[in-house]
């Protein structure tokens, strides 16, 4: 038996049981889930820094969208704010590193 104590995607228990194994889960409050999500975000960022692929980028985004949802923001609302900020201040496409302001 392996102990995890981590937040998992909603279908993971179903997938585990379909594989013939059993699992124990707990449904927690949004406040507790947020703590697990922050921990999960760190894990996913570490995986992205190691693997550097689109799957890991998608995992980081999924955790960020879940955090936003716990705060009451929909995905499209987050993307709208992101697009507004990008339009007003730009993105990070030009690789500009600010060194000094004189």
C-alpha atoms as a PDB file:
ATOM      1  CA  UNK A   1       0.000   0.000   0.000  1.00  0.00           C
ATOM      2  CA  UNK A   2       1.328   3.426  -0.989  1.00  0.00           C
ATOM      3  CA  UNK A   3       0.217   6.571   0.856  1.00  0.00           C
ATOM      4  CA  UNK A   4      -0.081   9.767  -1.201  1.00  0.00           C
ATOM      5  CA  UNK A   5      -2.027  12.472   0.698  1.00  0.00           C
ATOM      6  CA  UNK A   6      -2.200  14.719  -2.358  1.00  0.00           C
ATOM      7  CA  UNK A   7      -4.872  16.337  -4.450  1.00  0.00           C
ATOM      8  CA  UNK A   8      -5.582  14.431  -7.654  1.00  0.00           C
ATOM      9  CA  UNK A   9      -7.665  15.040 -10.740  1.00  0.00           C
ATOM     10  CA  UNK A  10     -11.355  14.168 -10.349  1.00  0.00           C
ATOM     11  CA  UNK A  11     -11.304  10.952 -12.409  1.00  0.00           C
ATOM     12  CA  UNK A  12      -8.183   9.423 -10.816  1.00  0.00           C
ATOM     13  CA  UNK A  13     -10.093   7.298  -8.243  1.00  0.00           C
ATOM     14  CA  UNK A  14     -12.299   5.940 -11.042  1.00  0.00           C
ATOM     15  CA  UNK A  15      -9.245   5.163 -13.196  1.00  0.00           C
ATOM     16  CA  UNK A  16      -7.533   3.394 -10.278  1.00  0.00           C
ATOM     17  CA  UNK A  17     -10.602   1.245  -9.610  1.00  0.00           C
ATOM     18  CA  UNK A  18     -11.008   0.434 -13.309  1.00  0.00           C
ATOM     19  CA  UNK A  19      -7.476  -0.953 -13.179  1.00  0.00           C
ATOM     20  CA  UNK A  20      -8.597  -3.437 -10.517  1.00  0.00           C
ATOM     21  CA  UNK A  21      -7.091  -1.644  -7.534  1.00  0.00           C
ATOM     22  CA  UNK A  22      -8.833   0.019  -4.627  1.00  0.00           C
ATOM     23  CA  UNK A  23      -8.168   3.462  -3.198  1.00  0.00           C
ATOM     24  CA  UNK A  24      -9.188   5.551  -0.236  1.00  0.00           C
ATOM     25  CA  UNK A  25     -10.133   9.189  -0.803  1.00  0.00           C
ATOM     26  CA  UNK A  26     -11.362  12.153   1.205  1.00  0.00           C
ATOM     27  CA  UNK A  27     -13.363  15.080  -0.129  1.00  0.00           C
ATOM     28  CA  UNK A  28     -12.117  18.263   1.560  1.00  0.00           C
ATOM     29  CA  UNK A  29     -13.381  21.842   1.844  1.00  0.00           C
ATOM     30  CA  UNK A  30     -12.341  24.540  -0.617  1.00  0.00           C
ATOM     31  CA  UNK A  31     -10.038  26.049   2.021  1.00  0.00           C
ATOM     32  CA  UNK A  32      -8.217  22.747   2.519  1.00  0.00           C
ATOM     33  CA  UNK A  33      -8.225  22.083  -1.221  1.00  0.00           C
ATOM     34  CA  UNK A  34      -6.503  25.442  -1.788  1.00  0.00           C
ATOM     35  CA  UNK A  35      -3.631  24.401   0.466  1.00  0.00           C
ATOM     36  CA  UNK A  36      -3.282  21.159  -1.497  1.00  0.00           C
ATOM     37  CA  UNK A  37      -3.513  23.125  -4.771  1.00  0.00           C
ATOM     38  CA  UNK A  38      -0.669  25.438  -3.771  1.00  0.00           C
ATOM     39  CA  UNK A  39       1.432  22.381  -2.953  1.00  0.00           C
ATOM     40  CA  UNK A  40       0.369  20.786  -6.249  1.00  0.00           C
ATOM     41  CA  UNK A  41       1.319  23.943  -8.144  1.00  0.00           C
ATOM     42  CA  UNK A  42       4.853  23.691  -6.782  1.00  0.00           C
ATOM     43  CA  UNK A  43       5.039  20.025  -7.822  1.00  0.00           C
ATOM     44  CA  UNK A  44       3.774  20.787 -11.320  1.00  0.00           C
ATOM     45  CA  UNK A  45       6.172  23.712 -11.771  1.00  0.00           C
ATOM     46  CA  UNK A  46       9.072  21.460 -10.715  1.00  0.00           C
ATOM     47  CA  UNK A  47       7.955  18.875 -13.287  1.00  0.00           C
ATOM     48  CA  UNK A  48       7.762  21.608 -15.940  1.00  0.00           C
ATOM     49  CA  UNK A  49      11.274  22.798 -15.109  1.00  0.00           C
ATOM     50  CA  UNK A  50      12.512  19.222 -15.492  1.00  0.00           C
ATOM     51  CA  UNK A  51      10.506  17.957 -18.470  1.00  0.00           C
ATOM     52  CA  UNK A  52       9.810  21.221 -20.356  1.00  0.00           C
ATOM     53  CA  UNK A  53       6.941  19.962 -22.479  1.00  0.00           C
ATOM     54  CA  UNK A  54       3.390  20.953 -23.357  1.00  0.00           C
ATOM     55  CA  UNK A  55       1.862  18.314 -21.049  1.00  0.00           C
ATOM     56  CA  UNK A  56       3.553  19.891 -18.043  1.00  0.00           C
ATOM     57  CA  UNK A  57       2.500  23.378 -19.172  1.00  0.00           C
ATOM     58  CA  UNK A  58      -1.098  22.118 -19.370  1.00  0.00           C
ATOM     59  CA  UNK A  59      -0.807  20.612 -15.868  1.00  0.00           C
ATOM     60  CA  UNK A  60       0.388  23.930 -14.420  1.00  0.00           C
ATOM     61  CA  UNK A  61      -2.473  25.723 -16.166  1.00  0.00           C
ATOM     62  CA  UNK A  62      -5.012  23.203 -14.847  1.00  0.00           C
ATOM     63  CA  UNK A  63      -3.864  23.801 -11.277  1.00  0.00           C
ATOM     64  CA  UNK A  64      -3.973  27.580 -11.796  1.00  0.00           C
ATOM     65  CA  UNK A  65      -7.505  27.356 -13.190  1.00  0.00           C
ATOM     66  CA  UNK A  66      -8.518  25.222 -10.189  1.00  0.00           C
ATOM     67  CA  UNK A  67      -7.088  27.842  -7.798  1.00  0.00           C
ATOM     68  CA  UNK A  68      -8.937  30.577  -9.692  1.00  0.00           C
ATOM     69  CA  UNK A  69     -12.159  28.567  -9.444  1.00  0.00           C
ATOM     70  CA  UNK A  70     -11.800  28.249  -5.660  1.00  0.00           C
ATOM     71  CA  UNK A  71     -11.616  32.072  -5.544  1.00  0.00           C
ATOM     72  CA  UNK A  72     -14.743  32.293  -7.694  1.00  0.00           C
ATOM     73  CA  UNK A  73     -13.162  33.119 -11.048  1.00  0.00           C
ATOM     74  CA  UNK A  74     -14.094  31.261 -14.239  1.00  0.00           C
ATOM     75  CA  UNK A  75     -11.439  30.226 -16.770  1.00  0.00           C
ATOM     76  CA  UNK A  76     -12.734  32.688 -19.353  1.00  0.00           C
ATOM     77  CA  UNK A  77     -12.572  35.500 -16.771  1.00  0.00           C
ATOM     78  CA  UNK A  78      -8.934  34.682 -15.981  1.00  0.00           C
ATOM     79  CA  UNK A  79      -8.110  34.588 -19.689  1.00  0.00           C
ATOM     80  CA  UNK A  80      -9.920  37.891 -20.256  1.00  0.00           C
ATOM     81  CA  UNK A  81      -7.860  39.566 -17.518  1.00  0.00           C
ATOM     82  CA  UNK A  82      -4.702  37.988 -18.938  1.00  0.00           C
ATOM     83  CA  UNK A  83      -5.529  39.269 -22.422  1.00  0.00           C
ATOM     84  CA  UNK A  84      -6.271  42.757 -21.077  1.00  0.00           C
ATOM     85  CA  UNK A  85      -2.952  42.892 -19.245  1.00  0.00           C
ATOM     86  CA  UNK A  86      -1.151  41.573 -22.315  1.00  0.00           C
ATOM     87  CA  UNK A  87      -2.810  44.199 -24.497  1.00  0.00           C
ATOM     88  CA  UNK A  88      -1.975  47.031 -22.091  1.00  0.00           C
ATOM     89  CA  UNK A  89       1.504  45.979 -20.967  1.00  0.00           C
ATOM     90  CA  UNK A  90       2.594  43.352 -23.462  1.00  0.00           C
ATOM     91  CA  UNK A  91       3.551  39.729 -22.995  1.00  0.00           C
ATOM     92  CA  UNK A  92       6.972  38.152 -22.694  1.00  0.00           C
ATOM     93  CA  UNK A  93       7.634  37.396 -26.358  1.00  0.00           C
ATOM     94  CA  UNK A  94      10.504  39.875 -26.798  1.00  0.00           C
ATOM     95  CA  UNK A  95      12.701  38.476 -23.982  1.00  0.00           C
ATOM     96  CA  UNK A  96      13.262  41.921 -22.423  1.00  0.00           C
ATOM     97  CA  UNK A  97      15.204  41.945 -19.144  1.00  0.00           C
ATOM     98  CA  UNK A  98      14.963  45.263 -17.268  1.00  0.00           C
ATOM     99  CA  UNK A  99      18.315  46.009 -15.663  1.00  0.00           C
ATOM    100  CA  UNK A 100      17.975  49.583 -14.355  1.00  0.00           C
ATOM    101  CA  UNK A 101      15.685  52.575 -14.327  1.00  0.00           C
ATOM    102  CA  UNK A 102      17.617  55.849 -14.120  1.00  0.00           C
END
